[in-house]
Amino acid sequence: MASLCVGNWWEKIRELAEVLDLVVDHVYRELNALADFMASQGLESSTDLLFLSDFPTRLEGLACLDRIEIPYVRIDQL
C-alpha cells in the first residue's frame, strides 16, 4: 500500500514538472553533502530540527566547502 501512495505522489510531481519545465535528476550524496547531512540528522532525531542560528559545526563546514566549490569526498571507514 505504501508503494502505491509513493507512486501516486511521484506521478503528480512528474506531471507538475512537465508543466513548469523542470528537470529532475539524480545527484550522488557526495555532490549534495549538505542535504545528506541534514537528512541524516532528521533520521537520527525523534523530533523536528530547525536551525535558525547556531548551526552544527559540520553543517557550517560543508556549507563553506559548497560555497567555494570544493568537492566533499566521503571516505568510508572499514
PDB file of N, CA and C in Angstrom:
ATOM      1  N   MET A   1       0.819  -1.201   0.000  1.00  0.00           N
ATOM      2  CA  MET A   1       0.000   0.000   0.000  1.00  0.00           C
ATOM      3  C   MET A   1       0.862   1.264   0.000  1.00  0.00           C
ATOM      4  N   ALA A   2       1.945   1.256   0.792  1.00  0.00           N
ATOM      5  CA  ALA A   2       2.809   2.437   0.872  1.00  0.00           C
ATOM      6  C   ALA A   2       3.436   2.744  -0.483  1.00  0.00           C
ATOM      7  N   SER A   3       3.862   1.702  -1.221  1.00  0.00           N
ATOM      8  CA  SER A   3       4.484   1.943  -2.522  1.00  0.00           C
ATOM      9  C   SER A   3       3.490   2.539  -3.515  1.00  0.00           C
ATOM     10  N   LEU A   4       2.214   2.180  -3.393  1.00  0.00           N
ATOM     11  CA  LEU A   4       1.189   2.757  -4.257  1.00  0.00           C
ATOM     12  C   LEU A   4       1.043   4.246  -3.975  1.00  0.00           C
ATOM     13  N   CYS A   5       1.066   4.631  -2.705  1.00  0.00           N
ATOM     14  CA  CYS A   5       0.966   6.047  -2.334  1.00  0.00           C
ATOM     15  C   CYS A   5       2.153   6.835  -2.863  1.00  0.00           C
ATOM     16  N   VAL A   6       3.344   6.273  -2.746  1.00  0.00           N
ATOM     17  CA  VAL A   6       4.550   6.946  -3.253  1.00  0.00           C
ATOM     18  C   VAL A   6       4.478   7.068  -4.765  1.00  0.00           C
ATOM     19  N   GLY A   7       3.985   6.013  -5.424  1.00  0.00           N
ATOM     20  CA  GLY A   7       3.848   6.060  -6.887  1.00  0.00           C
ATOM     21  C   GLY A   7       2.915   7.165  -7.326  1.00  0.00           C
ATOM     22  N   ASN A   8       1.788   7.331  -6.653  1.00  0.00           N
ATOM     23  CA  ASN A   8       0.851   8.405  -6.984  1.00  0.00           C
ATOM     24  C   ASN A   8       1.476   9.767  -6.745  1.00  0.00           C
ATOM     25  N   TRP A   9       2.185   9.894  -5.643  1.00  0.00           N
ATOM     26  CA  TRP A   9       2.863  11.132  -5.294  1.00  0.00           C
ATOM     27  C   TRP A   9       3.901  11.491  -6.352  1.00  0.00           C
ATOM     28  N   TRP A  10       4.696  10.498  -6.770  1.00  0.00           N
ATOM     29  CA  TRP A  10       5.742  10.722  -7.757  1.00  0.00           C
ATOM     30  C   TRP A  10       5.148  11.098  -9.109  1.00  0.00           C
ATOM     31  N   GLU A  11       4.060  10.452  -9.498  1.00  0.00           N
ATOM     32  CA  GLU A  11       3.415  10.786 -10.768  1.00  0.00           C
ATOM     33  C   GLU A  11       2.911  12.224 -10.759  1.00  0.00           C
ATOM     34  N   LYS A  12       2.339  12.664  -9.654  1.00  0.00           N
ATOM     35  CA  LYS A  12       1.857  14.045  -9.543  1.00  0.00           C
ATOM     36  C   LYS A  12       3.016  15.031  -9.687  1.00  0.00           C
ATOM     37  N   ILE A  13       4.146  14.731  -9.069  1.00  0.00           N
ATOM     38  CA  ILE A  13       5.336  15.585  -9.198  1.00  0.00           C
ATOM     39  C   ILE A  13       5.796  15.641 -10.646  1.00  0.00           C
ATOM     40  N   ARG A  14       5.809  14.487 -11.317  1.00  0.00           N
ATOM     41  CA  ARG A  14       6.240  14.458 -12.721  1.00  0.00           C
ATOM     42  C   ARG A  14       5.311  15.279 -13.606  1.00  0.00           C
ATOM     43  N   GLU A  15       4.000  15.205 -13.348  1.00  0.00           N
ATOM     44  CA  GLU A  15       3.041  15.998 -14.117  1.00  0.00           C
ATOM     45  C   GLU A  15       3.284  17.489 -13.915  1.00  0.00           C
ATOM     46  N   LEU A  16       3.490  17.895 -12.675  1.00  0.00           N
ATOM     47  CA  LEU A  16       3.751  19.305 -12.388  1.00  0.00           C
ATOM     48  C   LEU A  16       5.074  19.766 -12.997  1.00  0.00           C
ATOM     49  N   ALA A  17       6.077  18.903 -12.960  1.00  0.00           N
ATOM     50  CA  ALA A  17       7.388  19.251 -13.514  1.00  0.00           C
ATOM     51  C   ALA A  17       7.295  19.493 -15.020  1.00  0.00           C
ATOM     52  N   GLU A  18       6.472  18.720 -15.715  1.00  0.00           N
ATOM     53  CA  GLU A  18       6.309  18.918 -17.165  1.00  0.00           C
ATOM     54  C   GLU A  18       5.708  20.285 -17.464  1.00  0.00           C
ATOM     55  N   VAL A  19       4.703  20.670 -16.694  1.00  0.00           N
ATOM     56  CA  VAL A  19       4.036  21.957 -16.897  1.00  0.00           C
ATOM     57  C   VAL A  19       4.978  23.113 -16.576  1.00  0.00           C
ATOM     58  N   LEU A  20       5.803  22.950 -15.543  1.00  0.00           N
ATOM     59  CA  LEU A  20       6.702  24.020 -15.106  1.00  0.00           C
ATOM     60  C   LEU A  20       8.053  23.987 -15.806  1.00  0.00           C
ATOM     61  N   ASP A  21       8.243  23.044 -16.723  1.00  0.00           N
ATOM     62  CA  ASP A  21       9.501  22.910 -17.449  1.00  0.00           C
ATOM     63  C   ASP A  21      10.678  22.715 -16.495  1.00  0.00           C
ATOM     64  N   LEU A  22      10.520  21.810 -15.520  1.00  0.00           N
ATOM     65  CA  LEU A  22      11.561  21.483 -14.563  1.00  0.00           C
ATOM     66  C   LEU A  22      12.309  20.238 -14.996  1.00  0.00           C
ATOM     67  N   VAL A  23      13.523  20.122 -14.540  1.00  0.00           N
ATOM     68  CA  VAL A  23      14.307  18.917 -14.778  1.00  0.00           C
ATOM     69  C   VAL A  23      14.631  18.309 -13.423  1.00  0.00           C
ATOM     70  N   VAL A  24      14.300  17.035 -13.250  1.00  0.00           N
ATOM     71  CA  VAL A  24      14.612  16.318 -12.018  1.00  0.00           C
ATOM     72  C   VAL A  24      15.692  15.313 -12.371  1.00  0.00           C
ATOM     73  N   ASP A  25      16.782  15.334 -11.617  1.00  0.00           N
ATOM     74  CA  ASP A  25      17.911  14.468 -11.931  1.00  0.00           C
ATOM     75  C   ASP A  25      18.483  13.906 -10.640  1.00  0.00           C
ATOM     76  N   HIS A  26      19.175  12.806 -10.752  1.00  0.00           N
ATOM     77  CA  HIS A  26      19.816  12.161  -9.608  1.00  0.00           C
ATOM     78  C   HIS A  26      21.153  12.829  -9.325  1.00  0.00           C
ATOM     79  N   VAL A  27      21.454  13.013  -8.059  1.00  0.00           N
ATOM     80  CA  VAL A  27      22.747  13.549  -7.636  1.00  0.00           C
ATOM     81  C   VAL A  27      23.283  12.638  -6.543  1.00  0.00           C
ATOM     82  N   TYR A  28      24.525  12.194  -6.677  1.00  0.00           N
ATOM     83  CA  TYR A  28      25.140  11.363  -5.654  1.00  0.00           C
ATOM     84  C   TYR A  28      25.288  12.144  -4.352  1.00  0.00           C
ATOM     85  N   ARG A  29      25.252  11.440  -3.237  1.00  0.00           N
ATOM     86  CA  ARG A  29      25.350  12.079  -1.920  1.00  0.00           C
ATOM     87  C   ARG A  29      26.557  12.986  -1.807  1.00  0.00           C
ATOM     88  N   GLU A  30      27.674  12.566  -2.363  1.00  0.00           N
ATOM     89  CA  GLU A  30      28.900  13.348  -2.245  1.00  0.00           C
ATOM     90  C   GLU A  30      28.763  14.712  -2.925  1.00  0.00           C
ATOM     91  N   LEU A  31      27.891  14.820  -3.907  1.00  0.00           N
ATOM     92  CA  LEU A  31      27.701  16.100  -4.588  1.00  0.00           C
ATOM     93  C   LEU A  31      26.678  16.977  -3.884  1.00  0.00           C
ATOM     94  N   ASN A  32      25.975  16.430  -2.910  1.00  0.00           N
ATOM     95  CA  ASN A  32      24.999  17.200  -2.165  1.00  0.00           C
ATOM     96  C   ASN A  32      25.151  16.877  -0.680  1.00  0.00           C
ATOM     97  N   ALA A  33      26.355  17.102  -0.181  1.00  0.00           N
ATOM     98  CA  ALA A  33      26.697  16.731   1.187  1.00  0.00           C
ATOM     99  C   ALA A  33      25.839  17.468   2.215  1.00  0.00           C
ATOM    100  N   LEU A  34      25.433  18.711   1.914  1.00  0.00           N
ATOM    101  CA  LEU A  34      24.590  19.452   2.854  1.00  0.00           C
ATOM    102  C   LEU A  34      23.253  18.753   3.063  1.00  0.00           C
ATOM    103  N   ALA A  35      22.603  18.379   1.976  1.00  0.00           N
ATOM    104  CA  ALA A  35      21.312  17.698   2.086  1.00  0.00           C
ATOM    105  C   ALA A  35      21.479  16.338   2.749  1.00  0.00           C
ATOM    106  N   ASP A  36      22.564  15.630   2.443  1.00  0.00           N
ATOM    107  CA  ASP A  36      22.822  14.329   3.047  1.00  0.00           C
ATOM    108  C   ASP A  36      22.990  14.470   4.561  1.00  0.00           C
ATOM    109  N   PHE A  37      23.732  15.482   4.989  1.00  0.00           N
ATOM    110  CA  PHE A  37      23.929  15.705   6.419  1.00  0.00           C
ATOM    111  C   PHE A  37      22.605  16.017   7.113  1.00  0.00           C
ATOM    112  N   MET A  38      21.811  16.912   6.515  1.00  0.00           N
ATOM    113  CA  MET A  38      20.543  17.288   7.143  1.00  0.00           C
ATOM    114  C   MET A  38      19.562  16.112   7.169  1.00  0.00           C
ATOM    115  N   ALA A  39      19.565  15.288   6.110  1.00  0.00           N
ATOM    116  CA  ALA A  39      18.701  14.108   6.100  1.00  0.00           C
ATOM    117  C   ALA A  39      19.125  13.131   7.191  1.00  0.00           C
ATOM    118  N   SER A  40      20.423  12.959   7.366  1.00  0.00           N
ATOM    119  CA  SER A  40      20.930  12.072   8.422  1.00  0.00           C
ATOM    120  C   SER A  40      20.528  12.584   9.799  1.00  0.00           C
ATOM    121  N   GLN A  41      20.614  13.905   9.993  1.00  0.00           N
ATOM    122  CA  GLN A  41      20.209  14.491  11.272  1.00  0.00           C
ATOM    123  C   GLN A  41      18.731  14.225  11.535  1.00  0.00           C
ATOM    124  N   GLY A  42      17.920  14.366  10.503  1.00  0.00           N
ATOM    125  CA  GLY A  42      16.496  14.126  10.653  1.00  0.00           C
ATOM    126  C   GLY A  42      16.181  12.689  10.994  1.00  0.00           C
ATOM    127  N   LEU A  43      16.915  11.761  10.384  1.00  0.00           N
ATOM    128  CA  LEU A  43      16.687  10.342  10.661  1.00  0.00           C
ATOM    129  C   LEU A  43      17.112   9.964  12.077  1.00  0.00           C
ATOM    130  N   GLU A  44      18.149  10.614  12.580  1.00  0.00           N
ATOM    131  CA  GLU A  44      18.668  10.290  13.906  1.00  0.00           C
ATOM    132  C   GLU A  44      17.880  10.955  15.033  1.00  0.00           C
ATOM    133  N   SER A  45      17.059  11.936  14.706  1.00  0.00           N
ATOM    134  CA  SER A  45      16.331  12.686  15.726  1.00  0.00           C
ATOM    135  C   SER A  45      14.895  12.179  15.849  1.00  0.00           C
ATOM    136  N   SER A  46      14.373  12.228  17.067  1.00  0.00           N
ATOM    137  CA  SER A  46      12.974  11.833  17.272  1.00  0.00           C
ATOM    138  C   SER A  46      12.052  13.049  17.228  1.00  0.00           C
ATOM    139  N   THR A  47      12.617  14.242  17.028  1.00  0.00           N
ATOM    140  CA  THR A  47      11.816  15.457  16.932  1.00  0.00           C
ATOM    141  C   THR A  47      12.241  16.241  15.695  1.00  0.00           C
ATOM    142  N   ASP A  48      11.443  17.234  15.326  1.00  0.00           N
ATOM    143  CA  ASP A  48      11.803  18.102  14.208  1.00  0.00           C
ATOM    144  C   ASP A  48      12.983  18.977  14.606  1.00  0.00           C
ATOM    145  N   LEU A  49      13.888  19.206  13.655  1.00  0.00           N
ATOM    146  CA  LEU A  49      15.036  20.076  13.898  1.00  0.00           C
ATOM    147  C   LEU A  49      14.875  21.340  13.075  1.00  0.00           C
ATOM    148  N   LEU A  50      15.091  22.490  13.685  1.00  0.00           N
ATOM    149  CA  LEU A  50      15.006  23.763  12.998  1.00  0.00           C
ATOM    150  C   LEU A  50      16.220  24.590  13.397  1.00  0.00           C
ATOM    151  N   PHE A  51      17.051  24.922  12.415  1.00  0.00           N
ATOM    152  CA  PHE A  51      18.253  25.711  12.679  1.00  0.00           C
ATOM    153  C   PHE A  51      18.053  27.107  12.114  1.00  0.00           C
ATOM    154  N   LEU A  52      17.897  28.088  12.980  1.00  0.00           N
ATOM    155  CA  LEU A  52      17.811  29.480  12.559  1.00  0.00           C
ATOM    156  C   LEU A  52      19.127  30.200  12.822  1.00  0.00           C
ATOM    157  N   SER A  53      19.885  29.678  13.758  1.00  0.00           N
ATOM    158  CA  SER A  53      21.223  30.181  14.094  1.00  0.00           C
ATOM    159  C   SER A  53      21.918  29.055  14.856  1.00  0.00           C
ATOM    160  N   ASP A  54      23.150  29.259  15.221  1.00  0.00           N
ATOM    161  CA  ASP A  54      23.922  28.231  15.921  1.00  0.00           C
ATOM    162  C   ASP A  54      23.867  26.889  15.194  1.00  0.00           C
ATOM    163  N   PHE A  55      24.253  26.925  13.929  1.00  0.00           N
ATOM    164  CA  PHE A  55      24.248  25.719  13.114  1.00  0.00           C
ATOM    165  C   PHE A  55      25.299  24.738  13.612  1.00  0.00           C
ATOM    166  N   PRO A  56      25.072  23.438  13.425  1.00  0.00           N
ATOM    167  CA  PRO A  56      26.105  22.463  13.781  1.00  0.00           C
ATOM    168  C   PRO A  56      27.405  22.766  13.014  1.00  0.00           C
ATOM    169  N   THR A  57      28.522  22.568  13.663  1.00  0.00           N
ATOM    170  CA  THR A  57      29.828  22.874  13.065  1.00  0.00           C
ATOM    171  C   THR A  57      30.020  22.146  11.734  1.00  0.00           C
ATOM    172  N   ARG A  58      29.630  20.875  11.689  1.00  0.00           N
ATOM    173  CA  ARG A  58      29.793  20.106  10.442  1.00  0.00           C
ATOM    174  C   ARG A  58      28.967  20.710   9.312  1.00  0.00           C
ATOM    175  N   LEU A  59      27.757  21.175   9.602  1.00  0.00           N
ATOM    176  CA  LEU A  59      26.905  21.791   8.590  1.00  0.00           C
ATOM    177  C   LEU A  59      27.542  23.075   8.076  1.00  0.00           C
ATOM    178  N   GLU A  60      28.093  23.875   8.969  1.00  0.00           N
ATOM    179  CA  GLU A  60      28.767  25.101   8.547  1.00  0.00           C
ATOM    180  C   GLU A  60      29.973  24.795   7.662  1.00  0.00           C
ATOM    181  N   GLY A  61      30.735  23.770   8.039  1.00  0.00           N
ATOM    182  CA  GLY A  61      31.903  23.388   7.238  1.00  0.00           C
ATOM    183  C   GLY A  61      31.520  22.915   5.851  1.00  0.00           C
ATOM    184  N   LEU A  62      30.486  22.080   5.765  1.00  0.00           N
ATOM    185  CA  LEU A  62      30.023  21.599   4.465  1.00  0.00           C
ATOM    186  C   LEU A  62      29.496  22.748   3.611  1.00  0.00           C
ATOM    187  N   ALA A  63      28.803  23.701   4.242  1.00  0.00           N
ATOM    188  CA  ALA A  63      28.289  24.861   3.507  1.00  0.00           C
ATOM    189  C   ALA A  63      29.439  25.709   2.968  1.00  0.00           C
ATOM    190  N   CYS A  64      30.483  25.848   3.760  1.00  0.00           N
ATOM    191  CA  CYS A  64      31.655  26.614   3.325  1.00  0.00           C
ATOM    192  C   CYS A  64      32.318  25.950   2.120  1.00  0.00           C
ATOM    193  N   LEU A  65      32.502  24.637   2.194  1.00  0.00           N
ATOM    194  CA  LEU A  65      33.086  23.906   1.059  1.00  0.00           C
ATOM    195  C   LEU A  65      32.222  24.052  -0.189  1.00  0.00           C
ATOM    196  N   ASP A  66      30.921  23.969  -0.009  1.00  0.00           N
ATOM    197  CA  ASP A  66      29.999  24.081  -1.135  1.00  0.00           C
ATOM    198  C   ASP A  66      30.070  25.477  -1.750  1.00  0.00           C
ATOM    199  N   ARG A  67      30.122  26.490  -0.906  1.00  0.00           N
ATOM    200  CA  ARG A  67      30.141  27.878  -1.378  1.00  0.00           C
ATOM    201  C   ARG A  67      31.389  28.173  -2.214  1.00  0.00           C
ATOM    202  N   ILE A  68      32.536  27.616  -1.821  1.00  0.00           N
ATOM    203  CA  ILE A  68      33.764  27.883  -2.579  1.00  0.00           C
ATOM    204  C   ILE A  68      34.059  26.788  -3.603  1.00  0.00           C
ATOM    205  N   GLU A  69      33.045  25.925  -3.826  1.00  0.00           N
ATOM    206  CA  GLU A  69      33.068  24.897  -4.869  1.00  0.00           C
ATOM    207  C   GLU A  69      34.203  23.893  -4.718  1.00  0.00           C
ATOM    208  N   ILE A  70      34.486  23.514  -3.472  1.00  0.00           N
ATOM    209  CA  ILE A  70      35.442  22.438  -3.212  1.00  0.00           C
ATOM    210  C   ILE A  70      34.633  21.169  -2.958  1.00  0.00           C
ATOM    211  N   PRO A  71      34.881  20.121  -3.733  1.00  0.00           N
ATOM    212  CA  PRO A  71      34.087  18.906  -3.552  1.00  0.00           C
ATOM    213  C   PRO A  71      34.353  18.233  -2.212  1.00  0.00           C
ATOM    214  N   TYR A  72      33.325  17.645  -1.678  1.00  0.00           N
ATOM    215  CA  TYR A  72      33.421  16.873  -0.442  1.00  0.00           C
ATOM    216  C   TYR A  72      33.651  15.419  -0.823  1.00  0.00           C
ATOM    217  N   VAL A  73      34.674  14.802  -0.267  1.00  0.00           N
ATOM    218  CA  VAL A  73      34.981  13.411  -0.571  1.00  0.00           C
ATOM    219  C   VAL A  73      34.707  12.598   0.680  1.00  0.00           C
ATOM    220  N   ARG A  74      33.806  11.638   0.565  1.00  0.00           N
ATOM    221  CA  ARG A  74      33.456  10.779   1.684  1.00  0.00           C
ATOM    222  C   ARG A  74      34.407   9.575   1.668  1.00  0.00           C
ATOM    223  N   ILE A  75      35.010   9.297   2.807  1.00  0.00           N
ATOM    224  CA  ILE A  75      35.885   8.135   2.931  1.00  0.00           C
ATOM    225  C   ILE A  75      35.235   7.187   3.922  1.00  0.00           C
ATOM    226  N   ASP A  76      34.798   6.040   3.424  1.00  0.00           N
ATOM    227  CA  ASP A  76      34.185   5.048   4.301  1.00  0.00           C
ATOM    228  C   ASP A  76      35.247   4.375   5.140  1.00  0.00           C
ATOM    229  N   GLN A  77      34.954   4.253   6.427  1.00  0.00           N
ATOM    230  CA  GLN A  77      35.882   3.568   7.307  1.00  0.00           C
ATOM    231  C   GLN A  77      35.571   2.078   7.287  1.00  0.00           C
ATOM    232  N   LEU A  78      36.592   1.283   7.259  1.00  0.00           N
ATOM    233  CA  LEU A  78      36.413  -0.168   7.211  1.00  0.00           C
ATOM    234  C   LEU A  78      36.063  -0.727   8.557  1.00  0.00           C
TER     235      LEU A  78
END
